PDB file of all heavy atoms in Angstrom:
ATOM      1  N   ARG A   1     -21.344  -8.424 -12.257  1.00  0.00           N
ATOM      2  CA  ARG A   1     -19.949  -8.867 -12.323  1.00  0.00           C
ATOM      3  C   ARG A   1     -18.979  -7.859 -11.621  1.00  0.00           C
ATOM      4  O   ARG A   1     -18.151  -8.251 -10.848  1.00  0.00           O
ATOM      5  CB  ARG A   1     -19.504  -8.995 -13.776  1.00  0.00           C
ATOM      6  CG  ARG A   1     -18.054  -9.485 -13.876  1.00  0.00           C
ATOM      7  CD  ARG A   1     -17.708 -10.064 -15.241  1.00  0.00           C
ATOM      8  NE  ARG A   1     -17.660  -8.958 -16.222  1.00  0.00           N
ATOM      9  CZ  ARG A   1     -16.678  -8.819 -17.172  1.00  0.00           C
ATOM     10  NH1 ARG A   1     -15.784  -9.749 -17.260  1.00  0.00           N
ATOM     11  NH2 ARG A   1     -16.693  -7.916 -18.101  1.00  0.00           N
ATOM     12  N   PHE A   2     -19.209  -6.634 -11.875  1.00  0.00           N
ATOM     13  CA  PHE A   2     -18.350  -5.579 -11.169  1.00  0.00           C
ATOM     14  C   PHE A   2     -18.451  -5.715  -9.632  1.00  0.00           C
ATOM     15  O   PHE A   2     -17.316  -5.768  -8.975  1.00  0.00           O
ATOM     16  CB  PHE A   2     -18.725  -4.079 -11.570  1.00  0.00           C
ATOM     17  CG  PHE A   2     -17.897  -3.207 -10.836  1.00  0.00           C
ATOM     18  CD1 PHE A   2     -16.684  -2.659 -11.332  1.00  0.00           C
ATOM     19  CD2 PHE A   2     -18.419  -2.618  -9.666  1.00  0.00           C
ATOM     20  CE1 PHE A   2     -15.972  -1.650 -10.663  1.00  0.00           C
ATOM     21  CE2 PHE A   2     -17.734  -1.630  -8.972  1.00  0.00           C
ATOM     22  CZ  PHE A   2     -16.502  -1.203  -9.501  1.00  0.00           C
ATOM     23  N   TYR A   3     -19.608  -5.836  -9.134  1.00  0.00           N
ATOM     24  CA  TYR A   3     -19.801  -5.887  -7.748  1.00  0.00           C
ATOM     25  C   TYR A   3     -19.165  -7.195  -7.088  1.00  0.00           C
ATOM     26  O   TYR A   3     -18.655  -7.166  -5.959  1.00  0.00           O
ATOM     27  CB  TYR A   3     -21.246  -5.753  -7.289  1.00  0.00           C
ATOM     28  CG  TYR A   3     -21.903  -4.581  -7.897  1.00  0.00           C
ATOM     29  CD1 TYR A   3     -22.670  -4.706  -9.120  1.00  0.00           C
ATOM     30  CD2 TYR A   3     -21.630  -3.232  -7.415  1.00  0.00           C
ATOM     31  CE1 TYR A   3     -23.320  -3.544  -9.599  1.00  0.00           C
ATOM     32  CE2 TYR A   3     -22.262  -2.145  -8.033  1.00  0.00           C
ATOM     33  CZ  TYR A   3     -23.068  -2.324  -9.045  1.00  0.00           C
ATOM     34  OH  TYR A   3     -23.691  -1.206  -9.731  1.00  0.00           O
ATOM     35  N   THR A   4     -19.255  -8.336  -7.896  1.00  0.00           N
ATOM     36  CA  THR A   4     -18.692  -9.513  -7.452  1.00  0.00           C
ATOM     37  C   THR A   4     -17.098  -9.385  -7.388  1.00  0.00           C
ATOM     38  O   THR A   4     -16.528  -9.768  -6.306  1.00  0.00           O
ATOM     39  CB  THR A   4     -19.058 -10.682  -8.411  1.00  0.00           C
ATOM     40  OG1 THR A   4     -20.441 -10.870  -8.385  1.00  0.00           O
ATOM     41  CG2 THR A   4     -18.357 -11.928  -8.020  1.00  0.00           C
ATOM     42  N   VAL A   5     -16.592  -8.852  -8.381  1.00  0.00           N
ATOM     43  CA  VAL A   5     -15.113  -8.675  -8.452  1.00  0.00           C
ATOM     44  C   VAL A   5     -14.635  -7.734  -7.276  1.00  0.00           C
ATOM     45  O   VAL A   5     -13.693  -7.941  -6.562  1.00  0.00           O
ATOM     46  CB  VAL A   5     -14.608  -8.232  -9.794  1.00  0.00           C
ATOM     47  CG1 VAL A   5     -13.120  -7.859  -9.758  1.00  0.00           C
ATOM     48  CG2 VAL A   5     -14.841  -9.254 -10.880  1.00  0.00           C
ATOM     49  N   PHE A   6     -15.395  -6.626  -7.132  1.00  0.00           N
ATOM     50  CA  PHE A   6     -15.030  -5.730  -6.092  1.00  0.00           C
ATOM     51  C   PHE A   6     -15.060  -6.389  -4.728  1.00  0.00           C
ATOM     52  O   PHE A   6     -14.165  -6.124  -3.835  1.00  0.00           O
ATOM     53  CB  PHE A   6     -15.873  -4.428  -6.098  1.00  0.00           C
ATOM     54  CG  PHE A   6     -15.563  -3.526  -4.976  1.00  0.00           C
ATOM     55  CD1 PHE A   6     -14.433  -2.754  -4.931  1.00  0.00           C
ATOM     56  CD2 PHE A   6     -16.327  -3.534  -3.749  1.00  0.00           C
ATOM     57  CE1 PHE A   6     -14.109  -1.967  -3.771  1.00  0.00           C
ATOM     58  CE2 PHE A   6     -16.022  -2.728  -2.731  1.00  0.00           C
ATOM     59  CZ  PHE A   6     -14.853  -1.934  -2.731  1.00  0.00           C
ATOM     60  N   GLY A   7     -16.116  -7.089  -4.447  1.00  0.00           N
ATOM     61  CA  GLY A   7     -16.273  -7.853  -3.205  1.00  0.00           C
ATOM     62  C   GLY A   7     -15.050  -8.683  -2.891  1.00  0.00           C
ATOM     63  O   GLY A   7     -14.519  -8.592  -1.807  1.00  0.00           O
ATOM     64  N   LEU A   8     -14.594  -9.489  -3.826  1.00  0.00           N
ATOM     65  CA  LEU A   8     -13.428 -10.322  -3.721  1.00  0.00           C
ATOM     66  C   LEU A   8     -12.158  -9.467  -3.499  1.00  0.00           C
ATOM     67  O   LEU A   8     -11.328  -9.817  -2.665  1.00  0.00           O
ATOM     68  CB  LEU A   8     -13.302 -11.281  -4.901  1.00  0.00           C
ATOM     69  CG  LEU A   8     -14.463 -12.180  -5.176  1.00  0.00           C
ATOM     70  CD1 LEU A   8     -14.312 -12.870  -6.520  1.00  0.00           C
ATOM     71  CD2 LEU A   8     -14.644 -13.224  -4.133  1.00  0.00           C
ATOM     72  N   PHE A   9     -12.067  -8.452  -4.253  1.00  0.00           N
ATOM     73  CA  PHE A   9     -10.928  -7.481  -4.196  1.00  0.00           C
ATOM     74  C   PHE A   9     -10.792  -6.878  -2.755  1.00  0.00           C
ATOM     75  O   PHE A   9      -9.741  -6.907  -2.231  1.00  0.00           O
ATOM     76  CB  PHE A   9     -11.104  -6.479  -5.188  1.00  0.00           C
ATOM     77  CG  PHE A   9     -10.016  -5.368  -5.395  1.00  0.00           C
ATOM     78  CD1 PHE A   9      -8.777  -5.760  -5.885  1.00  0.00           C
ATOM     79  CD2 PHE A   9     -10.255  -4.048  -4.968  1.00  0.00           C
ATOM     80  CE1 PHE A   9      -7.785  -4.756  -6.069  1.00  0.00           C
ATOM     81  CE2 PHE A   9      -9.273  -3.117  -5.093  1.00  0.00           C
ATOM     82  CZ  PHE A   9      -8.006  -3.429  -5.633  1.00  0.00           C
ATOM     83  N   ARG A  10     -11.881  -6.464  -2.328  1.00  0.00           N
ATOM     84  CA  ARG A  10     -12.000  -5.812  -0.992  1.00  0.00           C
ATOM     85  C   ARG A  10     -11.684  -6.840   0.076  1.00  0.00           C
ATOM     86  O   ARG A  10     -10.906  -6.564   1.065  1.00  0.00           O
ATOM     87  CB  ARG A  10     -13.326  -5.220  -0.702  1.00  0.00           C
ATOM     88  CG  ARG A  10     -13.534  -4.609   0.641  1.00  0.00           C
ATOM     89  CD  ARG A  10     -14.928  -4.063   0.760  1.00  0.00           C
ATOM     90  NE  ARG A  10     -15.240  -3.566   2.070  1.00  0.00           N
ATOM     91  CZ  ARG A  10     -15.694  -4.337   3.091  1.00  0.00           C
ATOM     92  NH1 ARG A  10     -15.886  -5.630   2.852  1.00  0.00           N
ATOM     93  NH2 ARG A  10     -15.968  -3.756   4.275  1.00  0.00           N
ATOM     94  N   LEU A  11     -12.247  -8.006  -0.032  1.00  0.00           N
ATOM     95  CA  LEU A  11     -11.993  -9.159   1.022  1.00  0.00           C
ATOM     96  C   LEU A  11     -10.530  -9.467   0.936  1.00  0.00           C
ATOM     97  O   LEU A  11      -9.889  -9.651   2.073  1.00  0.00           O
ATOM     98  CB  LEU A  11     -12.800 -10.319   0.697  1.00  0.00           C
ATOM     99  CG  LEU A  11     -12.540 -11.593   1.597  1.00  0.00           C
ATOM    100  CD1 LEU A  11     -12.786 -11.289   3.112  1.00  0.00           C
ATOM    101  CD2 LEU A  11     -13.454 -12.718   1.145  1.00  0.00           C
ATOM    102  N   ALA A  12      -9.942  -9.452  -0.156  1.00  0.00           N
ATOM    103  CA  ALA A  12      -8.413  -9.761  -0.262  1.00  0.00           C
ATOM    104  C   ALA A  12      -7.687  -8.637   0.453  1.00  0.00           C
ATOM    105  O   ALA A  12      -6.730  -8.954   1.218  1.00  0.00           O
ATOM    106  CB  ALA A  12      -8.013  -9.863  -1.726  1.00  0.00           C
ATOM    107  N   GLY A  13      -8.239  -7.388   0.322  1.00  0.00           N
ATOM    108  CA  GLY A  13      -7.474  -6.287   0.946  1.00  0.00           C
ATOM    109  C   GLY A  13      -7.551  -6.424   2.506  1.00  0.00           C
ATOM    110  O   GLY A  13      -6.575  -6.149   3.154  1.00  0.00           O
ATOM    111  N   ILE A  14      -8.806  -6.785   2.996  1.00  0.00           N
ATOM    112  CA  ILE A  14      -8.980  -6.991   4.417  1.00  0.00           C
ATOM    113  C   ILE A  14      -7.915  -8.072   5.010  1.00  0.00           C
ATOM    114  O   ILE A  14      -7.316  -7.956   5.956  1.00  0.00           O
ATOM    115  CB  ILE A  14     -10.402  -7.281   4.723  1.00  0.00           C
ATOM    116  CG1 ILE A  14     -11.306  -6.047   4.482  1.00  0.00           C
ATOM    117  CG2 ILE A  14     -10.535  -7.757   6.170  1.00  0.00           C
ATOM    118  CD1 ILE A  14     -12.715  -6.271   4.559  1.00  0.00           C
ATOM    119  N   LEU A  15      -8.004  -9.243   4.322  1.00  0.00           N
ATOM    120  CA  LEU A  15      -7.251 -10.404   4.803  1.00  0.00           C
ATOM    121  C   LEU A  15      -5.700 -10.134   4.590  1.00  0.00           C
ATOM    122  O   LEU A  15      -4.992 -10.475   5.519  1.00  0.00           O
ATOM    123  CB  LEU A  15      -7.629 -11.628   3.993  1.00  0.00           C
ATOM    124  CG  LEU A  15      -9.087 -12.151   4.180  1.00  0.00           C
ATOM    125  CD1 LEU A  15      -9.306 -13.359   3.292  1.00  0.00           C
ATOM    126  CD2 LEU A  15      -9.403 -12.377   5.568  1.00  0.00           C
ATOM    127  N   GLN A  16      -5.324  -9.421   3.532  1.00  0.00           N
ATOM    128  CA  GLN A  16      -3.996  -9.141   3.334  1.00  0.00           C
ATOM    129  C   GLN A  16      -3.387  -8.203   4.386  1.00  0.00           C
ATOM    130  O   GLN A  16      -2.232  -8.379   4.921  1.00  0.00           O
ATOM    131  CB  GLN A  16      -3.635  -8.683   1.956  1.00  0.00           C
ATOM    132  CG  GLN A  16      -2.248  -8.356   1.589  1.00  0.00           C
ATOM    133  CD  GLN A  16      -1.335  -9.580   1.768  1.00  0.00           C
ATOM    134  OE1 GLN A  16      -1.826 -10.738   1.637  1.00  0.00           O
ATOM    135  NE2 GLN A  16      -0.104  -9.423   2.061  1.00  0.00           N
ATOM    136  N   GLN A  17      -4.183  -7.232   4.823  1.00  0.00           N
ATOM    137  CA  GLN A  17      -3.729  -6.316   5.814  1.00  0.00           C
ATOM    138  C   GLN A  17      -3.505  -7.110   7.163  1.00  0.00           C
ATOM    139  O   GLN A  17      -2.637  -6.835   7.902  1.00  0.00           O
ATOM    140  CB  GLN A  17      -4.788  -5.182   6.094  1.00  0.00           C
ATOM    141  CG  GLN A  17      -4.861  -4.184   5.056  1.00  0.00           C
ATOM    142  CD  GLN A  17      -5.875  -3.044   5.252  1.00  0.00           C
ATOM    143  OE1 GLN A  17      -5.725  -1.914   4.819  1.00  0.00           O
ATOM    144  NE2 GLN A  17      -6.962  -3.352   5.927  1.00  0.00           N
ATOM    145  N   ILE A  18      -4.417  -8.006   7.501  1.00  0.00           N
ATOM    146  CA  ILE A  18      -4.274  -8.964   8.687  1.00  0.00           C
ATOM    147  C   ILE A  18      -3.060  -9.782   8.509  1.00  0.00           C
ATOM    148  O   ILE A  18      -2.213  -9.884   9.453  1.00  0.00           O
ATOM    149  CB  ILE A  18      -5.503  -9.685   8.898  1.00  0.00           C
ATOM    150  CG1 ILE A  18      -6.689  -8.717   9.233  1.00  0.00           C
ATOM    151  CG2 ILE A  18      -5.341 -10.653  10.078  1.00  0.00           C
ATOM    152  CD1 ILE A  18      -8.057  -9.458   9.183  1.00  0.00           C
ATOM    153  N   TYR A  19      -2.949 -10.363   7.322  1.00  0.00           N
ATOM    154  CA  TYR A  19      -1.812 -11.351   7.083  1.00  0.00           C
ATOM    155  C   TYR A  19      -0.525 -10.690   7.114  1.00  0.00           C
ATOM    156  O   TYR A  19       0.476 -11.200   7.656  1.00  0.00           O
ATOM    157  CB  TYR A  19      -2.018 -11.976   5.738  1.00  0.00           C
ATOM    158  CG  TYR A  19      -0.850 -12.927   5.377  1.00  0.00           C
ATOM    159  CD1 TYR A  19      -0.653 -14.181   6.151  1.00  0.00           C
ATOM    160  CD2 TYR A  19      -0.060 -12.635   4.373  1.00  0.00           C
ATOM    161  CE1 TYR A  19       0.465 -14.973   5.883  1.00  0.00           C
ATOM    162  CE2 TYR A  19       1.063 -13.501   4.103  1.00  0.00           C
ATOM    163  CZ  TYR A  19       1.285 -14.651   4.799  1.00  0.00           C
ATOM    164  OH  TYR A  19       2.359 -15.457   4.612  1.00  0.00           O
ATOM    165  N   ALA A  20      -0.425  -9.394   6.678  1.00  0.00           N
ATOM    166  CA  ALA A  20       0.797  -8.640   6.708  1.00  0.00           C
ATOM    167  C   ALA A  20       1.292  -8.472   8.137  1.00  0.00           C
ATOM    168  O   ALA A  20       2.422  -8.563   8.387  1.00  0.00           O
ATOM    169  CB  ALA A  20       0.700  -7.308   5.996  1.00  0.00           C
ATOM    170  N   ARG A  21       0.384  -8.189   9.038  1.00  0.00           N
ATOM    171  CA  ARG A  21       0.701  -8.035  10.472  1.00  0.00           C
ATOM    172  C   ARG A  21       1.279  -9.297  11.007  1.00  0.00           C
ATOM    173  O   ARG A  21       2.210  -9.376  11.806  1.00  0.00           O
ATOM    174  CB  ARG A  21      -0.444  -7.546  11.289  1.00  0.00           C
ATOM    175  CG  ARG A  21      -0.986  -6.198  10.949  1.00  0.00           C
ATOM    176  CD  ARG A  21      -2.268  -5.774  11.742  1.00  0.00           C
ATOM    177  NE  ARG A  21      -2.047  -5.899  13.139  1.00  0.00           N
ATOM    178  CZ  ARG A  21      -2.821  -6.729  13.968  1.00  0.00           C
ATOM    179  NH1 ARG A  21      -3.809  -7.410  13.408  1.00  0.00           N
ATOM    180  NH2 ARG A  21      -2.626  -6.744  15.281  1.00  0.00           N
ATOM    181  N   PHE A  22       0.663 -10.534  10.650  1.00  0.00           N
ATOM    182  CA  PHE A  22       1.235 -11.805  11.024  1.00  0.00           C
ATOM    183  C   PHE A  22       2.594 -12.067  10.428  1.00  0.00           C
ATOM    184  O   PHE A  22       3.513 -12.507  10.981  1.00  0.00           O
ATOM    185  CB  PHE A  22       0.181 -12.874  10.624  1.00  0.00           C
ATOM    186  CG  PHE A  22       0.672 -14.236  11.032  1.00  0.00           C
ATOM    187  CD1 PHE A  22       0.463 -14.809  12.294  1.00  0.00           C
ATOM    188  CD2 PHE A  22       1.349 -15.065   9.990  1.00  0.00           C
ATOM    189  CE1 PHE A  22       0.953 -16.115  12.611  1.00  0.00           C
ATOM    190  CE2 PHE A  22       1.761 -16.371  10.428  1.00  0.00           C
ATOM    191  CZ  PHE A  22       1.535 -16.842  11.673  1.00  0.00           C
ATOM    192  N   PHE A  23       2.739 -11.780   9.092  1.00  0.00           N
ATOM    193  CA  PHE A  23       3.956 -11.993   8.358  1.00  0.00           C
ATOM    194  C   PHE A  23       5.103 -11.186   9.003  1.00  0.00           C
ATOM    195  O   PHE A  23       6.205 -11.702   9.073  1.00  0.00           O
ATOM    196  CB  PHE A  23       3.773 -11.611   6.877  1.00  0.00           C
ATOM    197  CG  PHE A  23       4.829 -11.889   5.985  1.00  0.00           C
ATOM    198  CD1 PHE A  23       4.958 -13.192   5.399  1.00  0.00           C
ATOM    199  CD2 PHE A  23       5.846 -10.943   5.744  1.00  0.00           C
ATOM    200  CE1 PHE A  23       6.088 -13.484   4.551  1.00  0.00           C
ATOM    201  CE2 PHE A  23       6.935 -11.204   4.821  1.00  0.00           C
ATOM    202  CZ  PHE A  23       6.981 -12.508   4.321  1.00  0.00           C
ATOM    203  N   GLN A  24       4.870 -10.021   9.477  1.00  0.00           N
ATOM    204  CA  GLN A  24       5.881  -9.170  10.033  1.00  0.00           C
ATOM    205  C   GLN A  24       6.004  -9.384  11.592  1.00  0.00           C
ATOM    206  O   GLN A  24       6.735  -8.576  12.206  1.00  0.00           O
ATOM    207  CB  GLN A  24       5.426  -7.707   9.769  1.00  0.00           C
ATOM    208  CG  GLN A  24       5.542  -7.322   8.303  1.00  0.00           C
ATOM    209  CD  GLN A  24       4.662  -6.118   7.910  1.00  0.00           C
ATOM    210  OE1 GLN A  24       4.157  -5.371   8.816  1.00  0.00           O
ATOM    211  NE2 GLN A  24       4.520  -5.888   6.673  1.00  0.00           N
ATOM    212  N   GLY A  25       5.255 -10.338  12.157  1.00  0.00           N
ATOM    213  CA  GLY A  25       5.499 -10.656  13.479  1.00  0.00           C
ATOM    214  C   GLY A  25       4.783  -9.656  14.504  1.00  0.00           C
ATOM    215  O   GLY A  25       5.064  -9.713  15.691  1.00  0.00           O
ATOM    216  N   GLN A  26       3.811  -8.888  13.983  1.00  0.00           N
ATOM    217  CA  GLN A  26       3.095  -7.947  14.831  1.00  0.00           C
ATOM    218  C   GLN A  26       1.971  -8.665  15.618  1.00  0.00           C
ATOM    219  O   GLN A  26       1.480  -8.015  16.557  1.00  0.00           O
ATOM    220  CB  GLN A  26       2.607  -6.725  14.024  1.00  0.00           C
ATOM    221  CG  GLN A  26       3.755  -5.892  13.428  1.00  0.00           C
ATOM    222  CD  GLN A  26       3.235  -5.032  12.355  1.00  0.00           C
ATOM    223  OE1 GLN A  26       2.053  -4.942  12.087  1.00  0.00           O
ATOM    224  NE2 GLN A  26       4.224  -4.207  11.843  1.00  0.00           N
ATOM    225  N   THR A  27       1.591  -9.763  15.206  1.00  0.00           N
ATOM    226  CA  THR A  27       0.561 -10.621  15.971  1.00  0.00           C
ATOM    227  C   THR A  27       0.991 -12.085  15.874  1.00  0.00           C
ATOM    228  O   THR A  27       1.605 -12.424  14.894  1.00  0.00           O
ATOM    229  CB  THR A  27      -0.793 -10.434  15.323  1.00  0.00           C
ATOM    230  OG1 THR A  27      -1.738 -11.362  16.136  1.00  0.00           O
ATOM    231  CG2 THR A  27      -0.891 -10.722  13.909  1.00  0.00           C
ATOM    232  N   GLN A  28       0.738 -12.847  16.935  1.00  0.00           N
ATOM    233  CA  GLN A  28       1.104 -14.220  16.935  1.00  0.00           C
ATOM    234  C   GLN A  28      -0.142 -15.121  16.758  1.00  0.00           C
ATOM    235  O   GLN A  28       0.040 -16.293  16.813  1.00  0.00           O
ATOM    236  CB  GLN A  28       1.757 -14.577  18.306  1.00  0.00           C
ATOM    237  CG  GLN A  28       2.882 -13.694  18.645  1.00  0.00           C
ATOM    238  CD  GLN A  28       4.064 -13.773  17.665  1.00  0.00           C
ATOM    239  OE1 GLN A  28       4.381 -14.815  17.260  1.00  0.00           O
ATOM    240  NE2 GLN A  28       4.543 -12.645  17.273  1.00  0.00           N
ATOM    241  N   ASP A  29      -1.285 -14.563  16.400  1.00  0.00           N
ATOM    242  CA  ASP A  29      -2.493 -15.260  16.265  1.00  0.00           C
ATOM    243  C   ASP A  29      -2.423 -16.240  15.094  1.00  0.00           C
ATOM    244  O   ASP A  29      -2.360 -15.889  13.859  1.00  0.00           O
ATOM    245  CB  ASP A  29      -3.683 -14.350  16.084  1.00  0.00           C
ATOM    246  CG  ASP A  29      -4.977 -15.018  16.213  1.00  0.00           C
ATOM    247  OD1 ASP A  29      -5.156 -16.307  15.914  1.00  0.00           O
ATOM    248  OD2 ASP A  29      -5.957 -14.444  16.663  1.00  0.00           O
ATOM    249  N   LYS A  30      -2.337 -17.561  15.466  1.00  0.00           N
ATOM    250  CA  LYS A  30      -2.082 -18.625  14.363  1.00  0.00           C
ATOM    251  C   LYS A  30      -3.329 -18.749  13.337  1.00  0.00           C
ATOM    252  O   LYS A  30      -3.152 -19.315  12.343  1.00  0.00           O
ATOM    253  CB  LYS A  30      -1.796 -19.944  14.890  1.00  0.00           C
ATOM    254  CG  LYS A  30      -0.437 -19.962  15.614  1.00  0.00           C
ATOM    255  CD  LYS A  30      -0.174 -21.344  16.240  1.00  0.00           C
ATOM    256  CE  LYS A  30       1.247 -21.454  16.802  1.00  0.00           C
ATOM    257  NZ  LYS A  30       1.672 -20.390  17.824  1.00  0.00           N
ATOM    258  N   ARG A  31      -4.359 -18.142  13.742  1.00  0.00           N
ATOM    259  CA  ARG A  31      -5.495 -18.158  12.743  1.00  0.00           C
ATOM    260  C   ARG A  31      -5.199 -17.447  11.435  1.00  0.00           C
ATOM    261  O   ARG A  31      -5.842 -17.736  10.405  1.00  0.00           O
ATOM    262  CB  ARG A  31      -6.821 -17.473  13.353  1.00  0.00           C
ATOM    263  CG  ARG A  31      -7.392 -18.202  14.550  1.00  0.00           C
ATOM    264  CD  ARG A  31      -8.542 -17.398  15.104  1.00  0.00           C
ATOM    265  NE  ARG A  31      -8.175 -16.084  15.484  1.00  0.00           N
ATOM    266  CZ  ARG A  31      -9.078 -14.952  15.532  1.00  0.00           C
ATOM    267  NH1 ARG A  31     -10.350 -15.298  15.185  1.00  0.00           N
ATOM    268  NH2 ARG A  31      -8.664 -13.813  15.930  1.00  0.00           N
ATOM    269  N   PHE A  32      -4.254 -16.504  11.506  1.00  0.00           N
ATOM    270  CA  PHE A  32      -3.981 -15.718  10.376  1.00  0.00           C
ATOM    271  C   PHE A  32      -2.871 -16.352   9.438  1.00  0.00           C
ATOM    272  O   PHE A  32      -2.632 -15.759   8.455  1.00  0.00           O
ATOM    273  CB  PHE A  32      -3.536 -14.307  10.859  1.00  0.00           C
ATOM    274  CG  PHE A  32      -4.517 -13.665  11.771  1.00  0.00           C
ATOM    275  CD1 PHE A  32      -4.031 -12.767  12.704  1.00  0.00           C
ATOM    276  CD2 PHE A  32      -5.821 -13.878  11.750  1.00  0.00           C
ATOM    277  CE1 PHE A  32      -4.878 -12.096  13.652  1.00  0.00           C
ATOM    278  CE2 PHE A  32      -6.710 -13.328  12.640  1.00  0.00           C
ATOM    279  CZ  PHE A  32      -6.236 -12.410  13.562  1.00  0.00           C
ATOM    280  N   ALA A  33      -2.272 -17.428   9.932  1.00  0.00           N
ATOM    281  CA  ALA A  33      -1.158 -17.947   9.190  1.00  0.00           C
ATOM    282  C   ALA A  33      -1.480 -18.322   7.743  1.00  0.00           C
ATOM    283  O   ALA A  33      -0.631 -18.287   6.835  1.00  0.00           O
ATOM    284  CB  ALA A  33      -0.559 -19.169   9.959  1.00  0.00           C
ATOM    285  N   GLY A  34      -2.687 -18.771   7.475  1.00  0.00           N
ATOM    286  CA  GLY A  34      -3.089 -19.250   6.127  1.00  0.00           C
ATOM    287  C   GLY A  34      -3.770 -18.194   5.316  1.00  0.00           C
ATOM    288  O   GLY A  34      -4.176 -18.479   4.207  1.00  0.00           O
ATOM    289  N   PHE A  35      -3.796 -16.908   5.853  1.00  0.00           N
ATOM    290  CA  PHE A  35      -4.546 -15.922   5.024  1.00  0.00           C
ATOM    291  C   PHE A  35      -3.806 -15.551   3.693  1.00  0.00           C
ATOM    292  O   PHE A  35      -4.542 -15.239   2.828  1.00  0.00           O
ATOM    293  CB  PHE A  35      -4.693 -14.636   5.901  1.00  0.00           C
ATOM    294  CG  PHE A  35      -5.807 -14.645   6.817  1.00  0.00           C
ATOM    295  CD1 PHE A  35      -6.440 -15.833   7.257  1.00  0.00           C
ATOM    296  CD2 PHE A  35      -6.269 -13.511   7.470  1.00  0.00           C
ATOM    297  CE1 PHE A  35      -7.505 -15.911   8.036  1.00  0.00           C
ATOM    298  CE2 PHE A  35      -7.312 -13.493   8.300  1.00  0.00           C
ATOM    299  CZ  PHE A  35      -7.904 -14.673   8.672  1.00  0.00           C
ATOM    300  N   GLY A  36      -2.509 -15.769   3.591  1.00  0.00           N
ATOM    301  CA  GLY A  36      -1.838 -15.497   2.366  1.00  0.00           C
ATOM    302  C   GLY A  36      -2.275 -16.416   1.231  1.00  0.00           C
ATOM    303  O   GLY A  36      -2.469 -16.041   0.149  1.00  0.00           O
TER     304      GLY A  36
END
């Protein structure tokens, strides 16, 4: 269970870092629009 939760938590961190760049207009790649 711990490793499952951590994996999801870490994936959320990876996607959120990418999404934040899209949200702030630092990238225009439309693939990232739904990451939030």
